Amino acid sequence: MVKRIYEIKMAMDLKEIEKYIKEAMPDASIDIQDLAGDGNHYSATIISSDFSGKSKIEQHKMVYNSLKGKMGNELHALAIKTKEK
């Protein structure tokens, strides 16, 4: 029972992930896949003009920052691919 409550609390819906990214980067095209079907392991491809002139590390930090501290808490794993629009 305790494990089940923990799993429910930790899971983050892919629409919620998309919402947070869109709030930070309104022009972004976002494709999110649930890799394991468990609501905890996602892959996201984000295309945005906000990435223009930024390194991959800076782009990924922008995505992580858009999640407002949810990475590692409600969101367990997110593989990120970024591209300039």
Protein backbone atom coordinates (compact mmCIF):
# COMPACT_ATOMS: atom_id res chain seq x y z
CA MET A 1 0.00 0.00 0.00
CA VAL A 2 2.77 2.45 0.91
CA LYS A 3 4.57 1.73 -2.36
CA ARG A 4 1.40 2.40 -4.36
CA ILE A 5 0.84 5.77 -2.68
CA TYR A 6 4.47 6.68 -3.38
CA GLU A 7 4.09 5.77 -7.06
CA ILE A 8 0.95 7.87 -7.42
CA LYS A 9 2.61 10.88 -5.78
CA MET A 10 5.78 10.63 -7.87
CA ALA A 11 4.22 10.21 -11.31
CA MET A 12 3.96 13.28 -13.55
CA ASP A 13 1.65 13.34 -16.55
CA LEU A 14 3.23 14.14 -19.92
CA LYS A 15 0.64 16.90 -20.51
CA GLU A 16 1.83 18.55 -17.30
CA ILE A 17 5.45 18.38 -18.51
CA GLU A 18 4.38 19.95 -21.81
CA LYS A 19 2.47 22.70 -19.97
CA TYR A 20 5.52 23.72 -17.93
CA ILE A 21 7.79 23.80 -20.98
CA LYS A 22 5.23 25.78 -23.02
CA GLU A 23 4.91 28.34 -20.21
CA ALA A 24 8.66 28.96 -20.38
CA MET A 25 8.97 28.67 -24.18
CA PRO A 26 5.62 29.55 -25.80
CA ASP A 27 6.82 28.96 -29.38
CA ALA A 28 8.16 25.48 -28.61
CA SER A 29 7.16 22.40 -30.56
CA ILE A 30 7.18 19.55 -28.06
CA ASP A 31 7.03 15.78 -28.55
CA ILE A 32 7.01 13.73 -25.34
CA GLN A 33 7.08 9.94 -25.15
CA ASP A 34 6.47 7.77 -22.07
CA LEU A 35 9.39 5.35 -22.46
CA ALA A 36 8.36 2.71 -19.93
CA GLY A 37 4.61 3.26 -19.67
CA ASP A 38 5.03 4.02 -15.96
CA GLY A 39 4.61 7.80 -15.94
CA ASN A 40 8.16 8.20 -14.63
CA HIS A 41 10.49 7.78 -17.63
CA TYR A 42 10.02 10.20 -20.51
CA SER A 43 11.80 11.37 -23.61
CA ALA A 44 11.17 14.89 -24.89
CA THR A 45 12.14 16.59 -28.13
CA ILE A 46 11.78 20.36 -27.89
CA ILE A 47 12.21 22.74 -30.82
CA SER A 48 12.27 26.44 -29.97
CA SER A 49 13.69 29.70 -31.26
CA ASP A 50 14.67 30.41 -27.62
CA PHE A 51 17.54 27.93 -28.11
CA SER A 52 19.12 30.05 -30.84
CA GLY A 53 22.79 30.77 -30.10
CA LYS A 54 22.83 28.62 -26.98
CA SER A 55 24.93 25.53 -26.34
CA LYS A 56 23.25 22.14 -25.81
CA ILE A 57 24.02 22.39 -22.11
CA GLU A 58 22.35 25.81 -21.91
CA GLN A 59 19.36 24.50 -23.87
CA HIS A 60 18.93 21.53 -21.54
CA LYS A 61 19.24 23.79 -18.49
CA MET A 62 16.44 25.92 -19.94
CA VAL A 63 14.22 22.84 -20.15
CA TYR A 64 15.09 21.68 -16.63
CA ASN A 65 14.47 25.20 -15.27
CA SER A 66 11.07 25.28 -16.97
CA LEU A 67 10.07 22.24 -14.87
CA LYS A 68 10.36 24.35 -11.69
CA GLY A 69 12.09 21.82 -9.47
CA LYS A 70 9.88 18.87 -10.46
CA MET A 71 12.80 16.96 -12.03
CA GLY A 72 13.97 14.35 -9.56
CA ASN A 73 10.78 14.72 -7.52
CA GLU A 74 7.49 14.23 -9.36
CA LEU A 75 9.43 13.57 -12.57
CA HIS A 76 11.94 10.75 -12.21
CA ALA A 77 13.70 10.67 -15.61
CA LEU A 78 13.56 12.86 -18.71
CA ALA A 79 15.81 12.33 -21.74
CA ILE A 80 16.00 15.64 -23.61
CA LYS A 81 16.69 16.44 -27.26
CA THR A 82 16.69 20.12 -28.20
CA LYS A 83 16.77 21.85 -31.57
CA GLU A 84 16.70 25.46 -32.73
CA LYS A 85 13.60 26.54 -34.63
